[in-house]
Amino acid sequence: MPPRRRTDPDAGRAAVRAWLTDPGLVDRSTLGVAVRWTLEQLADAVPGRSVEVRVPPFGVVQCVEGPRHTRGTPPNVVETDPATWLALATGRLTWAQAVTEGRVSASGQRADLTGALPVAAAAALGTVEP
């Protein structure tokens, strides 16, 4: 099996910083890099294959220990838009807020990412003032 493609860490951090500085001015390419890098950081922080986190159209990862999903629609799915994902990953939005506001779709018993967010590497960049 070929190695999993990884986002260059420097490019990922730069993309997240750009988004933190001015989310409205980030181009699509930079937004994609920021989303993919933070998803990879999430998968590294909470490894596993029981929850699928989807941020269309930029990326998807499986994470969280538990029963492995292999075919069909996974039983534990989290899906959100890129801006909401980056706000969650950087700590600008809490999981509870996102769920309450309907900004996240989460199904399944393991689809609560409260303990995994914010993503540590991305949250450390959150000191950039908007």
C-alpha atoms as a PDB file:
ATOM      1  CA  MET A   1       0.000   0.000   0.000  1.00  0.00           C
ATOM      2  CA  PRO A   2       1.406   3.466  -0.868  1.00  0.00           C
ATOM      3  CA  PRO A   3       2.232   5.805   2.016  1.00  0.00           C
ATOM      4  CA  ARG A   4      -0.513   8.162   3.093  1.00  0.00           C
ATOM      5  CA  ARG A   5      -0.082  11.631   1.636  1.00  0.00           C
ATOM      6  CA  ARG A   6       0.722  14.215   4.312  1.00  0.00           C
ATOM      7  CA  THR A   7       0.480  17.974   4.267  1.00  0.00           C
ATOM      8  CA  ASP A   8       3.771  19.771   4.727  1.00  0.00           C
ATOM      9  CA  PRO A   9       3.700  20.917   8.387  1.00  0.00           C
ATOM     10  CA  ASP A  10       5.082  24.374   7.588  1.00  0.00           C
ATOM     11  CA  ALA A  11       2.493  24.863   4.847  1.00  0.00           C
ATOM     12  CA  GLY A  12      -0.242  23.632   7.183  1.00  0.00           C
ATOM     13  CA  ARG A  13       0.732  25.995   9.967  1.00  0.00           C
ATOM     14  CA  ALA A  14       1.018  28.906   7.516  1.00  0.00           C
ATOM     15  CA  ALA A  15      -2.430  28.153   6.100  1.00  0.00           C
ATOM     16  CA  VAL A  16      -3.998  28.022   9.562  1.00  0.00           C
ATOM     17  CA  ARG A  17      -2.272  31.289  10.515  1.00  0.00           C
ATOM     18  CA  ALA A  18      -3.624  32.918   7.334  1.00  0.00           C
ATOM     19  CA  TRP A  19      -7.131  31.706   8.183  1.00  0.00           C
ATOM     20  CA  LEU A  20      -6.816  32.928  11.775  1.00  0.00           C
ATOM     21  CA  THR A  21      -5.644  36.346  10.581  1.00  0.00           C
ATOM     22  CA  ASP A  22      -8.564  36.870   8.196  1.00  0.00           C
ATOM     23  CA  PRO A  23     -10.895  33.964   7.431  1.00  0.00           C
ATOM     24  CA  GLY A  24     -12.745  35.922   4.767  1.00  0.00           C
ATOM     25  CA  LEU A  25      -9.661  36.614   2.671  1.00  0.00           C
ATOM     26  CA  VAL A  26      -8.204  33.098   2.538  1.00  0.00           C
ATOM     27  CA  ASP A  27      -8.225  31.625  -0.957  1.00  0.00           C
ATOM     28  CA  ARG A  28      -9.618  28.155  -1.652  1.00  0.00           C
ATOM     29  CA  SER A  29      -6.188  26.521  -1.935  1.00  0.00           C
ATOM     30  CA  THR A  30      -5.017  27.883   1.418  1.00  0.00           C
ATOM     31  CA  LEU A  31      -8.307  26.891   3.024  1.00  0.00           C
ATOM     32  CA  GLY A  32      -7.866  23.335   1.721  1.00  0.00           C
ATOM     33  CA  VAL A  33      -4.339  23.088   3.113  1.00  0.00           C
ATOM     34  CA  ALA A  34      -5.508  24.364   6.522  1.00  0.00           C
ATOM     35  CA  VAL A  35      -8.368  21.869   6.653  1.00  0.00           C
ATOM     36  CA  ARG A  36      -6.278  18.880   5.551  1.00  0.00           C
ATOM     37  CA  TRP A  37      -3.450  19.686   7.962  1.00  0.00           C
ATOM     38  CA  THR A  38      -5.766  20.073  10.949  1.00  0.00           C
ATOM     39  CA  LEU A  39      -7.586  16.848  10.050  1.00  0.00           C
ATOM     40  CA  GLU A  40      -4.234  15.046   9.936  1.00  0.00           C
ATOM     41  CA  GLN A  41      -3.363  16.521  13.335  1.00  0.00           C
ATOM     42  CA  LEU A  42      -6.672  15.246  14.717  1.00  0.00           C
ATOM     43  CA  ALA A  43      -6.032  11.744  13.354  1.00  0.00           C
ATOM     44  CA  ASP A  44      -2.540  11.773  14.908  1.00  0.00           C
ATOM     45  CA  ALA A  45      -3.871  12.970  18.286  1.00  0.00           C
ATOM     46  CA  VAL A  46      -6.732  10.456  18.542  1.00  0.00           C
ATOM     47  CA  PRO A  47      -5.745   7.507  16.349  1.00  0.00           C
ATOM     48  CA  GLY A  48      -8.258   4.888  15.415  1.00  0.00           C
ATOM     49  CA  ARG A  49     -10.887   4.066  12.838  1.00  0.00           C
ATOM     50  CA  SER A  50     -14.221   4.234  14.629  1.00  0.00           C
ATOM     51  CA  VAL A  51     -15.205   7.828  13.716  1.00  0.00           C
ATOM     52  CA  GLU A  52     -15.094   9.388  10.285  1.00  0.00           C
ATOM     53  CA  VAL A  53     -14.647  13.169  10.248  1.00  0.00           C
ATOM     54  CA  ARG A  54     -15.672  14.790   6.961  1.00  0.00           C
ATOM     55  CA  VAL A  55     -14.988  18.361   5.896  1.00  0.00           C
ATOM     56  CA  PRO A  56     -16.151  18.532   2.289  1.00  0.00           C
ATOM     57  CA  PRO A  57     -14.775  19.214  -0.189  1.00  0.00           C
ATOM     58  CA  PHE A  58     -11.316  19.192   1.371  1.00  0.00           C
ATOM     59  CA  GLY A  59     -10.816  16.090   3.434  1.00  0.00           C
ATOM     60  CA  VAL A  60     -11.860  13.163   5.547  1.00  0.00           C
ATOM     61  CA  VAL A  61     -10.064  11.188   8.250  1.00  0.00           C
ATOM     62  CA  GLN A  62     -10.849   8.281  10.484  1.00  0.00           C
ATOM     63  CA  CYS A  63      -9.925   8.596  14.131  1.00  0.00           C
ATOM     64  CA  VAL A  64     -10.850   7.549  17.693  1.00  0.00           C
ATOM     65  CA  GLU A  65     -10.158   4.078  19.028  1.00  0.00           C
ATOM     66  CA  GLY A  66     -12.916   1.546  18.873  1.00  0.00           C
ATOM     67  CA  PRO A  67     -14.488  -0.870  16.427  1.00  0.00           C
ATOM     68  CA  ARG A  68     -13.027  -0.443  12.964  1.00  0.00           C
ATOM     69  CA  HIS A  69     -15.357   0.530  10.160  1.00  0.00           C
ATOM     70  CA  THR A  70     -14.692  -1.251   6.859  1.00  0.00           C
ATOM     71  CA  ARG A  71     -17.674  -1.050   4.486  1.00  0.00           C
ATOM     72  CA  GLY A  72     -20.671   1.128   3.731  1.00  0.00           C
ATOM     73  CA  THR A  73     -21.703   4.152   5.719  1.00  0.00           C
ATOM     74  CA  PRO A  74     -19.753   4.366   8.970  1.00  0.00           C
ATOM     75  CA  PRO A  75     -21.816   4.241  12.175  1.00  0.00           C
ATOM     76  CA  ASN A  76     -19.980   7.256  13.662  1.00  0.00           C
ATOM     77  CA  VAL A  77     -19.745  10.283  11.388  1.00  0.00           C
ATOM     78  CA  VAL A  78     -18.946  13.932  12.002  1.00  0.00           C
ATOM     79  CA  GLU A  79     -19.457  16.364   9.130  1.00  0.00           C
ATOM     80  CA  THR A  80     -19.085  20.120   8.950  1.00  0.00           C
ATOM     81  CA  ASP A  81     -18.058  22.949   6.657  1.00  0.00           C
ATOM     82  CA  PRO A  82     -14.444  24.193   6.411  1.00  0.00           C
ATOM     83  CA  ALA A  83     -14.948  27.400   8.428  1.00  0.00           C
ATOM     84  CA  THR A  84     -16.660  25.577  11.285  1.00  0.00           C
ATOM     85  CA  TRP A  85     -14.000  22.864  11.268  1.00  0.00           C
ATOM     86  CA  LEU A  86     -11.158  25.370  11.484  1.00  0.00           C
ATOM     87  CA  ALA A  87     -12.943  27.257  14.268  1.00  0.00           C
ATOM     88  CA  LEU A  88     -13.273  23.964  16.171  1.00  0.00           C
ATOM     89  CA  ALA A  89      -9.700  22.878  15.434  1.00  0.00           C
ATOM     90  CA  THR A  90      -8.222  26.175  16.617  1.00  0.00           C
ATOM     91  CA  GLY A  91     -10.405  26.572  19.683  1.00  0.00           C
ATOM     92  CA  ARG A  92     -12.383  29.543  18.414  1.00  0.00           C
ATOM     93  CA  LEU A  93     -15.556  27.454  18.684  1.00  0.00           C
ATOM     94  CA  THR A  94     -16.392  24.728  21.182  1.00  0.00           C
ATOM     95  CA  TRP A  95     -17.898  21.391  20.237  1.00  0.00           C
ATOM     96  CA  ALA A  96     -20.980  22.148  22.360  1.00  0.00           C
ATOM     97  CA  GLN A  97     -21.518  25.489  20.618  1.00  0.00           C
ATOM     98  CA  ALA A  98     -21.152  23.953  17.164  1.00  0.00           C
ATOM     99  CA  VAL A  99     -23.645  21.177  17.948  1.00  0.00           C
ATOM    100  CA  THR A 100     -26.134  23.550  19.605  1.00  0.00           C
ATOM    101  CA  GLU A 101     -25.962  25.956  16.654  1.00  0.00           C
ATOM    102  CA  GLY A 102     -26.400  23.111  14.150  1.00  0.00           C
ATOM    103  CA  ARG A 103     -23.010  23.764  12.548  1.00  0.00           C
ATOM    104  CA  VAL A 104     -21.919  20.133  12.990  1.00  0.00           C
ATOM    105  CA  SER A 105     -23.678  16.941  12.031  1.00  0.00           C
ATOM    106  CA  ALA A 106     -22.641  14.143  14.412  1.00  0.00           C
ATOM    107  CA  SER A 107     -24.135  10.664  14.377  1.00  0.00           C
ATOM    108  CA  GLY A 108     -23.199   7.614  16.401  1.00  0.00           C
ATOM    109  CA  GLN A 109     -22.174   6.943  19.991  1.00  0.00           C
ATOM    110  CA  ARG A 110     -18.520   7.811  19.428  1.00  0.00           C
ATOM    111  CA  ALA A 111     -19.100  10.933  17.317  1.00  0.00           C
ATOM    112  CA  ASP A 112     -18.512  13.394  20.164  1.00  0.00           C
ATOM    113  CA  LEU A 113     -15.148  15.103  19.651  1.00  0.00           C
ATOM    114  CA  THR A 114     -15.285  17.209  22.822  1.00  0.00           C
ATOM    115  CA  GLY A 115     -12.125  15.629  24.260  1.00  0.00           C
ATOM    116  CA  ALA A 116     -10.205  15.857  20.984  1.00  0.00           C
ATOM    117  CA  LEU A 117     -10.818  19.537  20.235  1.00  0.00           C
ATOM    118  CA  PRO A 118      -9.249  21.933  19.838  1.00  0.00           C
ATOM    119  CA  VAL A 119      -6.458  20.200  17.941  1.00  0.00           C
ATOM    120  CA  ALA A 120      -3.347  21.000  19.979  1.00  0.00           C
ATOM    121  CA  ALA A 121      -1.078  21.976  17.065  1.00  0.00           C
ATOM    122  CA  ALA A 122      -3.722  24.263  15.595  1.00  0.00           C
ATOM    123  CA  ALA A 123      -4.818  25.729  18.926  1.00  0.00           C
ATOM    124  CA  ALA A 124      -1.217  26.749  19.611  1.00  0.00           C
ATOM    125  CA  LEU A 125      -1.482  28.975  16.539  1.00  0.00           C
ATOM    126  CA  GLY A 126      -4.688  30.529  17.866  1.00  0.00           C
ATOM    127  CA  THR A 127      -2.807  33.353  19.527  1.00  0.00           C
ATOM    128  CA  VAL A 128      -2.948  35.256  16.231  1.00  0.00           C
ATOM    129  CA  GLU A 129      -5.364  38.146  16.638  1.00  0.00           C
ATOM    130  CA  PRO A 130      -8.158  38.258  14.038  1.00  0.00           C
END
